[in-house]
Amino acid sequence: MAHINLLPWREERRKQRQKEYQTQLGITALAAAAVMLGVHMFYQGLIDEQNTRNAFLKNAIVELDKKIVEIKSLEETRQQLIGRMEVIQKLQASRPNIVHVMDVLVRTVPDGIQLESVSVQNDKEINIQGTSESAARVAEYLRTINTSGWLGGAAIIGQGILANTKDPDALGRYVFTIKGNITPPKPEAEQKEAAQ
């Protein structure tokens, strides 16, 4: 005898397949959501890592900027110190010059001339004011100054006869002003090089 099933098996099978389909659809949806969540978390992790690197670089840049400012400040201080050292060295080098100039002034003053004042500007120029018995003595003094080795380029910038004075011995004396340059002699090594 043939086996005939009269129960509504097709409907049950359809329901079972529909249930399996919904289960598979749910599992696929969950798997897709899990994959999407995993991808999102992976990329978010990369973004967070890059943001951390960027923050580190920004902090490093800020620190380097502070160091650059400090280095510039130190460089300016260094330049100021070098400038001061150069000024001090120039002063040290020119300090004995005024002693030599005064020595030359004392040695070159001829009889009959009195120096009233001597002033030095910028360690390079000298102004000499005085009185003399005659104009010839002033001319002699001028020649002596120009050949002294420490003073040069001297010229008379003012000369006259003293008329108004309380001292009767000073009446008729010549008043003069000489302006010249302080020219220290070159060291021997420089003179030898110049000669060659």
N, C-alpha and C. Protein backbone atom coordinates (compact mmCIF):
# COMPACT_ATOMS: atom_id res chain seq x y z
N MET A 1 0.81 -1.15 0.00
CA MET A 1 0.00 0.00 0.00
C MET A 1 0.88 1.24 0.00
N ALA A 2 0.38 2.16 -0.73
CA ALA A 2 1.13 3.40 -0.86
C ALA A 2 0.95 4.26 0.38
N HIS A 3 2.06 4.96 0.65
CA HIS A 3 2.03 5.80 1.85
C HIS A 3 1.60 7.19 1.45
N ILE A 4 0.47 7.63 1.89
CA ILE A 4 -0.07 8.94 1.55
C ILE A 4 -0.16 9.73 2.84
N ASN A 5 0.39 10.88 2.77
CA ASN A 5 0.36 11.77 3.92
C ASN A 5 -0.67 12.84 3.64
N LEU A 6 -1.66 12.90 4.41
CA LEU A 6 -2.73 13.84 4.19
C LEU A 6 -2.59 15.10 5.06
N LEU A 7 -1.62 15.13 5.88
CA LEU A 7 -1.40 16.32 6.73
C LEU A 7 -0.87 17.48 5.87
N PRO A 8 -1.11 18.69 6.34
CA PRO A 8 -0.64 19.86 5.54
C PRO A 8 0.88 20.04 5.71
N TRP A 9 1.63 19.13 5.17
CA TRP A 9 3.10 19.14 5.34
C TRP A 9 3.78 20.29 4.62
N ARG A 10 3.13 20.71 3.50
CA ARG A 10 3.75 21.81 2.74
C ARG A 10 3.75 23.11 3.56
N GLU A 11 2.68 23.34 4.26
CA GLU A 11 2.59 24.55 5.09
C GLU A 11 3.59 24.49 6.23
N GLU A 12 3.71 23.33 6.83
CA GLU A 12 4.67 23.18 7.92
C GLU A 12 6.09 23.36 7.40
N ARG A 13 6.33 22.80 6.22
CA ARG A 13 7.65 22.92 5.64
C ARG A 13 7.93 24.39 5.28
N ARG A 14 6.94 25.07 4.75
CA ARG A 14 7.07 26.49 4.42
C ARG A 14 7.35 27.30 5.68
N LYS A 15 6.62 26.99 6.75
CA LYS A 15 6.84 27.69 8.01
C LYS A 15 8.25 27.42 8.54
N GLN A 16 8.65 26.18 8.43
CA GLN A 16 9.99 25.82 8.91
C GLN A 16 11.06 26.53 8.08
N ARG A 17 10.89 26.54 6.77
CA ARG A 17 11.85 27.24 5.90
C ARG A 17 11.85 28.75 6.18
N GLN A 18 10.64 29.28 6.39
CA GLN A 18 10.55 30.71 6.69
C GLN A 18 11.26 31.01 8.02
N LYS A 19 11.11 30.11 9.00
CA LYS A 19 11.78 30.28 10.28
C LYS A 19 13.30 30.20 10.09
N GLU A 20 13.77 29.23 9.30
CA GLU A 20 15.19 29.09 9.03
C GLU A 20 15.72 30.33 8.29
N TYR A 21 14.91 30.81 7.33
CA TYR A 21 15.30 31.99 6.57
C TYR A 21 15.43 33.19 7.49
N GLN A 22 14.47 33.39 8.38
CA GLN A 22 14.51 34.53 9.32
C GLN A 22 15.69 34.38 10.26
N THR A 23 15.97 33.17 10.69
CA THR A 23 17.11 32.92 11.57
C THR A 23 18.41 33.25 10.83
N GLN A 24 18.51 32.74 9.61
CA GLN A 24 19.71 33.03 8.82
C GLN A 24 19.83 34.53 8.53
N LEU A 25 18.68 35.15 8.24
CA LEU A 25 18.68 36.59 7.98
C LEU A 25 19.13 37.35 9.24
N GLY A 26 18.65 36.94 10.41
CA GLY A 26 19.05 37.57 11.68
C GLY A 26 20.53 37.37 11.94
N ILE A 27 21.00 36.12 11.69
CA ILE A 27 22.42 35.83 11.91
C ILE A 27 23.27 36.65 10.94
N THR A 28 22.85 36.76 9.69
CA THR A 28 23.59 37.54 8.68
C THR A 28 23.60 39.02 9.07
N ALA A 29 22.44 39.51 9.54
CA ALA A 29 22.35 40.91 9.96
C ALA A 29 23.28 41.16 11.15
N LEU A 30 23.26 40.23 12.11
CA LEU A 30 24.15 40.37 13.26
C LEU A 30 25.62 40.31 12.84
N ALA A 31 25.93 39.39 11.92
CA ALA A 31 27.32 39.27 11.44
C ALA A 31 27.72 40.55 10.71
N ALA A 32 26.82 41.08 9.86
CA ALA A 32 27.12 42.31 9.13
C ALA A 32 27.31 43.48 10.11
N ALA A 33 26.44 43.54 11.14
CA ALA A 33 26.56 44.60 12.14
C ALA A 33 27.88 44.44 12.91
N ALA A 34 28.24 43.18 13.22
CA ALA A 34 29.49 42.94 13.93
C ALA A 34 30.69 43.35 13.07
N VAL A 35 30.63 43.00 11.77
CA VAL A 35 31.72 43.37 10.87
C VAL A 35 31.82 44.90 10.76
N MET A 36 30.65 45.54 10.60
CA MET A 36 30.65 47.01 10.50
C MET A 36 31.17 47.64 11.79
N LEU A 37 30.76 47.11 12.93
CA LEU A 37 31.25 47.62 14.21
C LEU A 37 32.76 47.41 14.33
N GLY A 38 33.21 46.23 13.90
CA GLY A 38 34.65 45.94 13.94
C GLY A 38 35.43 46.90 13.05
N VAL A 39 34.93 47.13 11.82
CA VAL A 39 35.59 48.05 10.89
C VAL A 39 35.60 49.47 11.46
N HIS A 40 34.43 49.87 12.01
CA HIS A 40 34.33 51.20 12.61
C HIS A 40 35.32 51.33 13.77
N MET A 41 35.38 50.32 14.63
CA MET A 41 36.30 50.38 15.77
C MET A 41 37.76 50.39 15.30
N PHE A 42 38.06 49.64 14.24
CA PHE A 42 39.42 49.60 13.70
C PHE A 42 39.82 50.99 13.20
N TYR A 43 38.96 51.57 12.37
CA TYR A 43 39.27 52.90 11.83
C TYR A 43 39.26 53.98 12.93
N GLN A 44 38.37 53.85 13.89
CA GLN A 44 38.36 54.80 15.00
C GLN A 44 39.65 54.68 15.81
N GLY A 45 40.13 53.44 15.96
CA GLY A 45 41.41 53.24 16.65
C GLY A 45 42.56 53.90 15.89
N LEU A 46 42.55 53.79 14.55
CA LEU A 46 43.58 54.45 13.74
C LEU A 46 43.50 55.96 13.87
N ILE A 47 42.26 56.48 13.86
CA ILE A 47 42.06 57.93 14.00
C ILE A 47 42.55 58.40 15.37
N ASP A 48 42.20 57.65 16.42
CA ASP A 48 42.64 58.02 17.77
C ASP A 48 44.17 57.97 17.88
N GLU A 49 44.76 56.95 17.28
CA GLU A 49 46.22 56.83 17.30
C GLU A 49 46.87 58.02 16.57
N GLN A 50 46.29 58.39 15.41
CA GLN A 50 46.83 59.54 14.67
C GLN A 50 46.63 60.84 15.44
N ASN A 51 45.48 60.98 16.10
CA ASN A 51 45.24 62.18 16.93
C ASN A 51 46.25 62.25 18.07
N THR A 52 46.57 61.09 18.65
CA THR A 52 47.58 61.05 19.72
C THR A 52 48.94 61.49 19.18
N ARG A 53 49.29 61.00 17.97
CA ARG A 53 50.55 61.40 17.35
C ARG A 53 50.55 62.90 17.07
N ASN A 54 49.43 63.39 16.54
CA ASN A 54 49.34 64.83 16.24
C ASN A 54 49.50 65.67 17.51
N ALA A 55 48.85 65.23 18.60
CA ALA A 55 48.96 65.96 19.87
C ALA A 55 50.41 65.94 20.36
N PHE A 56 51.07 64.78 20.22
CA PHE A 56 52.47 64.68 20.62
C PHE A 56 53.34 65.64 19.80
N LEU A 57 53.08 65.67 18.47
CA LEU A 57 53.85 66.56 17.60
C LEU A 57 53.59 68.03 17.95
N LYS A 58 52.33 68.38 18.24
CA LYS A 58 52.02 69.76 18.61
C LYS A 58 52.75 70.16 19.88
N ASN A 59 52.76 69.25 20.86
CA ASN A 59 53.48 69.54 22.11
C ASN A 59 54.98 69.68 21.86
N ALA A 60 55.51 68.81 20.99
CA ALA A 60 56.94 68.89 20.66
C ALA A 60 57.24 70.20 19.94
N ILE A 61 56.35 70.63 19.04
CA ILE A 61 56.55 71.89 18.31
C ILE A 61 56.52 73.07 19.28
N VAL A 62 55.59 73.04 20.23
CA VAL A 62 55.51 74.12 21.23
C VAL A 62 56.80 74.18 22.04
N GLU A 63 57.31 73.02 22.45
CA GLU A 63 58.56 72.97 23.21
C GLU A 63 59.73 73.50 22.37
N LEU A 64 59.77 73.10 21.08
CA LEU A 64 60.85 73.57 20.21
C LEU A 64 60.75 75.07 19.98
N ASP A 65 59.52 75.58 19.85
CA ASP A 65 59.35 77.04 19.69
C ASP A 65 59.88 77.78 20.92
N LYS A 66 59.61 77.24 22.10
CA LYS A 66 60.13 77.85 23.33
C LYS A 66 61.65 77.84 23.33
N LYS A 67 62.23 76.70 22.89
CA LYS A 67 63.68 76.59 22.85
C LYS A 67 64.27 77.55 21.82
N ILE A 68 63.58 77.72 20.68
CA ILE A 68 64.05 78.64 19.65
C ILE A 68 64.07 80.06 20.19
N VAL A 69 63.00 80.44 20.90
CA VAL A 69 62.95 81.78 21.50
C VAL A 69 64.09 81.94 22.50
N GLU A 70 64.32 80.91 23.30
CA GLU A 70 65.40 80.96 24.29
C GLU A 70 66.76 81.06 23.60
N ILE A 71 66.93 80.31 22.50
CA ILE A 71 68.19 80.34 21.76
C ILE A 71 68.41 81.73 21.17
N LYS A 72 67.34 82.33 20.62
CA LYS A 72 67.47 83.69 20.06
C LYS A 72 67.85 84.68 21.16
N SER A 73 67.23 84.52 22.32
CA SER A 73 67.56 85.40 23.45
C SER A 73 69.02 85.22 23.86
N LEU A 74 69.47 83.98 23.92
CA LEU A 74 70.87 83.72 24.27
C LEU A 74 71.81 84.26 23.20
N GLU A 75 71.39 84.15 21.93
CA GLU A 75 72.21 84.67 20.83
C GLU A 75 72.35 86.19 20.93
N GLU A 76 71.23 86.88 21.25
CA GLU A 76 71.28 88.33 21.43
C GLU A 76 72.18 88.70 22.60
N THR A 77 72.05 87.96 23.70
CA THR A 77 72.91 88.21 24.87
C THR A 77 74.37 87.99 24.50
N ARG A 78 74.61 86.94 23.73
CA ARG A 78 75.98 86.64 23.29
C ARG A 78 76.54 87.78 22.44
N GLN A 79 75.73 88.28 21.50
CA GLN A 79 76.19 89.38 20.65
C GLN A 79 76.47 90.63 21.49
N GLN A 80 75.61 90.89 22.48
CA GLN A 80 75.85 92.04 23.36
C GLN A 80 77.15 91.88 24.13
N LEU A 81 77.39 90.66 24.63
CA LEU A 81 78.62 90.40 25.38
C LEU A 81 79.84 90.54 24.48
N ILE A 82 79.73 90.04 23.24
CA ILE A 82 80.85 90.17 22.30
C ILE A 82 81.12 91.64 22.01
N GLY A 83 80.04 92.43 21.84
CA GLY A 83 80.20 93.87 21.62
C GLY A 83 80.89 94.54 22.79
N ARG A 84 80.48 94.18 23.99
CA ARG A 84 81.11 94.76 25.19
C ARG A 84 82.58 94.36 25.27
N MET A 85 82.86 93.08 24.96
CA MET A 85 84.24 92.62 25.00
C MET A 85 85.10 93.38 23.99
N GLU A 86 84.54 93.64 22.80
CA GLU A 86 85.29 94.38 21.78
C GLU A 86 85.57 95.81 22.26
N VAL A 87 84.56 96.44 22.88
CA VAL A 87 84.76 97.79 23.40
C VAL A 87 85.85 97.79 24.47
N ILE A 88 85.79 96.80 25.36
CA ILE A 88 86.79 96.71 26.43
C ILE A 88 88.17 96.47 25.84
N GLN A 89 88.25 95.62 24.82
CA GLN A 89 89.56 95.36 24.19
C GLN A 89 90.10 96.62 23.51
N LYS A 90 89.21 97.39 22.86
CA LYS A 90 89.65 98.63 22.23
C LYS A 90 90.14 99.62 23.28
N LEU A 91 89.39 99.69 24.41
CA LEU A 91 89.81 100.58 25.48
C LEU A 91 91.16 100.14 26.05
N GLN A 92 91.31 98.82 26.23
CA GLN A 92 92.57 98.30 26.76
C GLN A 92 93.71 98.61 25.80
N ALA A 93 93.43 98.48 24.50
CA ALA A 93 94.48 98.72 23.50
C ALA A 93 94.83 100.21 23.41
N SER A 94 93.81 101.09 23.57
CA SER A 94 94.07 102.52 23.40
C SER A 94 94.41 103.22 24.72
N ARG A 95 94.34 102.51 25.83
CA ARG A 95 94.60 103.15 27.12
C ARG A 95 96.00 103.76 27.21
N PRO A 96 97.04 103.08 26.76
CA PRO A 96 98.36 103.71 26.87
C PRO A 96 98.56 104.85 25.87
N ASN A 97 97.69 104.95 24.86
CA ASN A 97 97.86 106.00 23.85
C ASN A 97 97.84 107.39 24.47
N ILE A 98 96.90 107.65 25.36
CA ILE A 98 96.78 109.00 25.93
C ILE A 98 98.02 109.34 26.76
N VAL A 99 98.61 108.32 27.38
CA VAL A 99 99.84 108.55 28.15
C VAL A 99 100.95 108.97 27.20
N HIS A 100 101.05 108.27 26.06
CA HIS A 100 102.08 108.63 25.07
C HIS A 100 101.82 110.02 24.50
N VAL A 101 100.53 110.34 24.24
CA VAL A 101 100.19 111.65 23.69
C VAL A 101 100.59 112.75 24.68
N MET A 102 100.28 112.58 25.94
CA MET A 102 100.65 113.59 26.94
C MET A 102 102.17 113.71 27.06
N ASP A 103 102.85 112.59 26.96
CA ASP A 103 104.32 112.61 27.00
C ASP A 103 104.87 113.39 25.80
N VAL A 104 104.27 113.15 24.62
CA VAL A 104 104.70 113.87 23.42
C VAL A 104 104.42 115.36 23.58
N LEU A 105 103.25 115.71 24.14
CA LEU A 105 102.93 117.12 24.33
C LEU A 105 103.96 117.81 25.23
N VAL A 106 104.34 117.14 26.29
CA VAL A 106 105.32 117.72 27.23
C VAL A 106 106.67 117.88 26.54
N ARG A 107 107.08 116.89 25.77
CA ARG A 107 108.40 116.93 25.12
C ARG A 107 108.46 117.93 23.96
N THR A 108 107.33 118.16 23.31
CA THR A 108 107.37 118.99 22.11
C THR A 108 107.11 120.47 22.36
N VAL A 109 106.67 120.85 23.56
CA VAL A 109 106.38 122.26 23.82
C VAL A 109 107.70 123.04 23.88
N PRO A 110 107.89 123.98 22.94
CA PRO A 110 109.12 124.77 22.97
C PRO A 110 109.03 125.90 24.02
N ASP A 111 110.16 126.49 24.29
CA ASP A 111 110.18 127.63 25.22
C ASP A 111 109.35 128.76 24.63
N GLY A 112 108.67 129.50 25.48
CA GLY A 112 107.88 130.64 25.03
C GLY A 112 106.44 130.28 24.72
N ILE A 113 106.04 129.02 24.89
CA ILE A 113 104.65 128.60 24.65
C ILE A 113 104.09 128.05 25.95
N GLN A 114 102.88 128.47 26.27
CA GLN A 114 102.18 127.93 27.43
C GLN A 114 100.88 127.30 26.92
N LEU A 115 100.66 126.08 27.34
CA LEU A 115 99.42 125.39 26.97
C LEU A 115 98.36 125.71 28.01
N GLU A 116 97.21 126.15 27.57
CA GLU A 116 96.11 126.51 28.47
C GLU A 116 95.16 125.33 28.67
N SER A 117 94.85 124.61 27.60
CA SER A 117 93.95 123.44 27.73
C SER A 117 94.22 122.46 26.60
N VAL A 118 94.01 121.20 26.93
CA VAL A 118 94.14 120.11 25.96
C VAL A 118 92.90 119.24 26.12
N SER A 119 92.22 118.98 25.01
CA SER A 119 91.03 118.11 25.08
C SER A 119 91.11 117.07 23.98
N VAL A 120 90.61 115.88 24.30
CA VAL A 120 90.63 114.75 23.36
C VAL A 120 89.20 114.30 23.12
N GLN A 121 88.83 114.12 21.84
CA GLN A 121 87.51 113.61 21.49
C GLN A 121 87.66 112.28 20.76
N ASN A 122 86.86 111.31 21.17
CA ASN A 122 86.77 109.99 20.50
C ASN A 122 88.11 109.26 20.41
N ASP A 123 89.04 109.58 21.26
CA ASP A 123 90.38 108.96 21.23
C ASP A 123 91.07 109.16 19.89
N LYS A 124 90.60 110.13 19.08
CA LYS A 124 91.20 110.33 17.75
C LYS A 124 91.60 111.77 17.48
N GLU A 125 90.87 112.71 18.05
CA GLU A 125 91.14 114.12 17.78
C GLU A 125 91.62 114.82 19.06
N ILE A 126 92.51 115.76 18.87
CA ILE A 126 93.01 116.51 20.01
C ILE A 126 92.93 118.01 19.69
N ASN A 127 92.50 118.78 20.66
CA ASN A 127 92.46 120.25 20.54
C ASN A 127 93.39 120.82 21.60
N ILE A 128 94.30 121.70 21.14
CA ILE A 128 95.28 122.30 22.04
C ILE A 128 95.08 123.81 21.98
N GLN A 129 94.90 124.41 23.14
CA GLN A 129 94.78 125.87 23.21
C GLN A 129 95.91 126.39 24.10
N GLY A 130 96.51 127.52 23.68
CA GLY A 130 97.59 128.07 24.47
C GLY A 130 97.95 129.47 24.03
N THR A 131 99.03 129.97 24.63
CA THR A 131 99.54 131.29 24.27
C THR A 131 101.01 131.17 23.93
N SER A 132 101.47 132.12 23.12
CA SER A 132 102.86 132.08 22.68
C SER A 132 103.42 133.49 22.65
N GLU A 133 104.75 133.60 22.72
CA GLU A 133 105.41 134.90 22.64
C GLU A 133 105.38 135.44 21.22
N SER A 134 105.41 134.50 20.24
CA SER A 134 105.41 134.94 18.84
C SER A 134 104.74 133.90 17.96
N ALA A 135 104.38 134.33 16.76
CA ALA A 135 103.75 133.41 15.79
C ALA A 135 104.77 132.39 15.30
N ALA A 136 106.04 132.76 15.28
CA ALA A 136 107.08 131.82 14.82
C ALA A 136 107.18 130.62 15.75
N ARG A 137 107.01 130.86 17.04
CA ARG A 137 107.06 129.74 18.00
C ARG A 137 105.86 128.80 17.80
N VAL A 138 104.71 129.36 17.46
CA VAL A 138 103.54 128.52 17.19
C VAL A 138 103.79 127.67 15.95
N ALA A 139 104.38 128.25 14.91
CA ALA A 139 104.69 127.49 13.69
C ALA A 139 105.70 126.39 13.99
N GLU A 140 106.70 126.69 14.80
CA GLU A 140 107.69 125.68 15.19
C GLU A 140 107.02 124.54 15.97
N TYR A 141 106.13 124.94 16.88
CA TYR A 141 105.42 123.93 17.68
C TYR A 141 104.56 123.05 16.77
N LEU A 142 103.92 123.64 15.77
CA LEU A 142 103.09 122.89 14.84
C LEU A 142 103.93 121.88 14.07
N ARG A 143 105.09 122.28 13.58
CA ARG A 143 105.98 121.35 12.86
C ARG A 143 106.42 120.22 13.78
N THR A 144 106.75 120.55 15.02
CA THR A 144 107.21 119.53 15.97
C THR A 144 106.09 118.52 16.26
N ILE A 145 104.87 119.01 16.40
CA ILE A 145 103.74 118.10 16.66
C ILE A 145 103.55 117.14 15.49
N ASN A 146 103.60 117.66 14.26
CA ASN A 146 103.35 116.82 13.07
C ASN A 146 104.43 115.78 12.83
N THR A 147 105.62 115.98 13.39
CA THR A 147 106.70 115.00 13.22
C THR A 147 106.91 114.16 14.47
N SER A 148 106.04 114.27 15.45
CA SER A 148 106.25 113.58 16.74
C SER A 148 106.01 112.09 16.69
N GLY A 149 105.24 111.59 15.76
CA GLY A 149 104.97 110.16 15.69
C GLY A 149 103.66 109.76 16.34
N TRP A 150 103.17 110.54 17.28
CA TRP A 150 101.90 110.22 17.94
C TRP A 150 100.80 111.19 17.56
N LEU A 151 101.18 112.33 17.06
CA LEU A 151 100.20 113.33 16.62
C LEU A 151 100.48 113.65 15.17
N GLY A 152 99.42 113.89 14.41
CA GLY A 152 99.61 114.21 13.01
C GLY A 152 98.42 114.98 12.48
N GLY A 153 98.58 115.54 11.29
CA GLY A 153 97.50 116.29 10.67
C GLY A 153 97.11 117.51 11.47
N ALA A 154 98.04 118.03 12.27
CA ALA A 154 97.74 119.19 13.11
C ALA A 154 97.72 120.46 12.26
N ALA A 155 96.78 121.34 12.58
CA ALA A 155 96.65 122.61 11.88
C ALA A 155 96.17 123.66 12.86
N ILE A 156 96.57 124.89 12.60
CA ILE A 156 96.12 126.00 13.45
C ILE A 156 94.72 126.39 12.97
N ILE A 157 93.75 126.38 13.88
CA ILE A 157 92.39 126.75 13.49
C ILE A 157 92.00 128.10 14.07
N GLY A 158 92.86 128.69 14.85
CA GLY A 158 92.58 130.02 15.40
C GLY A 158 93.83 130.63 15.98
N GLN A 159 94.04 131.93 15.69
CA GLN A 159 95.22 132.60 16.21
C GLN A 159 94.92 134.10 16.31
N GLY A 160 95.45 134.70 17.35
CA GLY A 160 95.24 136.14 17.51
C GLY A 160 96.12 136.68 18.62
N ILE A 161 96.06 138.00 18.80
CA ILE A 161 96.86 138.64 19.84
C ILE A 161 95.96 138.91 21.03
N LEU A 162 96.46 138.55 22.21
CA LEU A 162 95.71 138.74 23.45
C LEU A 162 95.72 140.21 23.82
N ALA A 163 94.53 140.83 23.92
CA ALA A 163 94.46 142.26 24.22
C ALA A 163 93.79 142.50 25.56
N ASN A 164 92.73 141.80 25.87
CA ASN A 164 91.98 142.03 27.11
C ASN A 164 92.39 140.99 28.14
N THR A 165 93.20 141.37 29.07
CA THR A 165 93.60 140.48 30.13
C THR A 165 93.98 141.29 31.36
N LYS A 166 93.86 140.70 32.53
CA LYS A 166 94.24 141.37 33.78
C LYS A 166 95.73 141.22 34.05
N ASP A 167 96.34 140.22 33.41
CA ASP A 167 97.77 139.97 33.61
C ASP A 167 98.57 140.86 32.64
N PRO A 168 99.32 141.82 33.15
CA PRO A 168 100.06 142.71 32.24
C PRO A 168 101.16 141.98 31.48
N ASP A 169 101.69 140.88 32.02
CA ASP A 169 102.74 140.13 31.32
C ASP A 169 102.18 139.40 30.10
N ALA A 170 100.86 139.14 30.09
CA ALA A 170 100.24 138.39 29.00
C ALA A 170 99.84 139.27 27.84
N LEU A 171 99.86 140.57 28.01
CA LEU A 171 99.47 141.48 26.92
C LEU A 171 100.42 141.32 25.74
N GLY A 172 99.86 141.26 24.56
CA GLY A 172 100.65 141.14 23.34
C GLY A 172 101.04 139.72 22.99
N ARG A 173 100.68 138.75 23.81
CA ARG A 173 100.99 137.34 23.49
C ARG A 173 100.00 136.84 22.44
N TYR A 174 100.44 135.86 21.70
CA TYR A 174 99.59 135.24 20.68
C TYR A 174 98.77 134.13 21.31
N VAL A 175 97.49 134.13 20.99
CA VAL A 175 96.59 133.05 21.44
C VAL A 175 96.38 132.14 20.23
N PHE A 176 96.49 130.84 20.45
CA PHE A 176 96.33 129.92 19.31
C PHE A 176 95.49 128.71 19.73
N THR A 177 94.89 128.09 18.71
CA THR A 177 94.17 126.81 18.88
C THR A 177 94.64 125.89 17.76
N ILE A 178 95.11 124.73 18.16
CA ILE A 178 95.59 123.73 17.20
C ILE A 178 94.69 122.51 17.30
N LYS A 179 94.30 122.03 16.14
CA LYS A 179 93.49 120.81 16.09
C LYS A 179 94.29 119.77 15.32
N GLY A 180 94.37 118.56 15.89
CA GLY A 180 95.14 117.50 15.24
C GLY A 180 94.52 116.14 15.49
N ASN A 181 95.18 115.15 14.93
CA ASN A 181 94.73 113.76 15.07
C ASN A 181 95.73 112.97 15.87
N ILE A 182 95.20 112.06 16.68
CA ILE A 182 96.07 111.14 17.42
C ILE A 182 96.35 109.97 16.48
N THR A 183 97.62 109.78 16.13
CA THR A 183 98.00 108.72 15.19
C THR A 183 99.09 107.87 15.82
N PRO A 184 98.70 106.84 16.58
CA PRO A 184 99.72 106.00 17.19
C PRO A 184 100.57 105.33 16.12
N PRO A 185 101.86 105.18 16.36
CA PRO A 185 102.71 104.52 15.37
C PRO A 185 102.30 103.06 15.23
N LYS A 186 102.48 102.54 14.01
CA LYS A 186 102.14 101.14 13.76
C LYS A 186 103.16 100.24 14.44
N PRO A 187 102.71 99.05 14.89
CA PRO A 187 103.67 98.10 15.46
C PRO A 187 104.71 97.71 14.39
N GLU A 188 105.84 97.20 14.83
CA GLU A 188 106.94 96.88 13.91
C GLU A 188 106.53 95.87 12.86
N ALA A 189 105.72 94.87 13.22
CA ALA A 189 105.30 93.85 12.26
C ALA A 189 104.49 94.48 11.13
N GLU A 190 103.59 95.42 11.49
CA GLU A 190 102.78 96.09 10.47
C GLU A 190 103.64 96.99 9.60
N GLN A 191 104.66 97.63 10.18
CA GLN A 191 105.55 98.50 9.39
C GLN A 191 106.34 97.68 8.39
N LYS A 192 106.79 96.47 8.79
CA LYS A 192 107.54 95.60 7.87
C LYS A 192 106.65 95.15 6.72
N GLU A 193 105.39 94.79 7.02
CA GLU A 193 104.46 94.38 5.97
C GLU A 193 104.19 95.53 5.01
N ALA A 194 104.04 96.74 5.55
CA ALA A 194 103.76 97.91 4.71
C ALA A 194 104.97 98.21 3.81
N ALA A 195 106.18 97.97 4.32
CA ALA A 195 107.38 98.25 3.55
C ALA A 195 107.53 97.26 2.40
N GLN A 196 107.05 96.04 2.56
CA GLN A 196 107.18 95.02 1.52
C GLN A 196 106.09 95.26 0.53
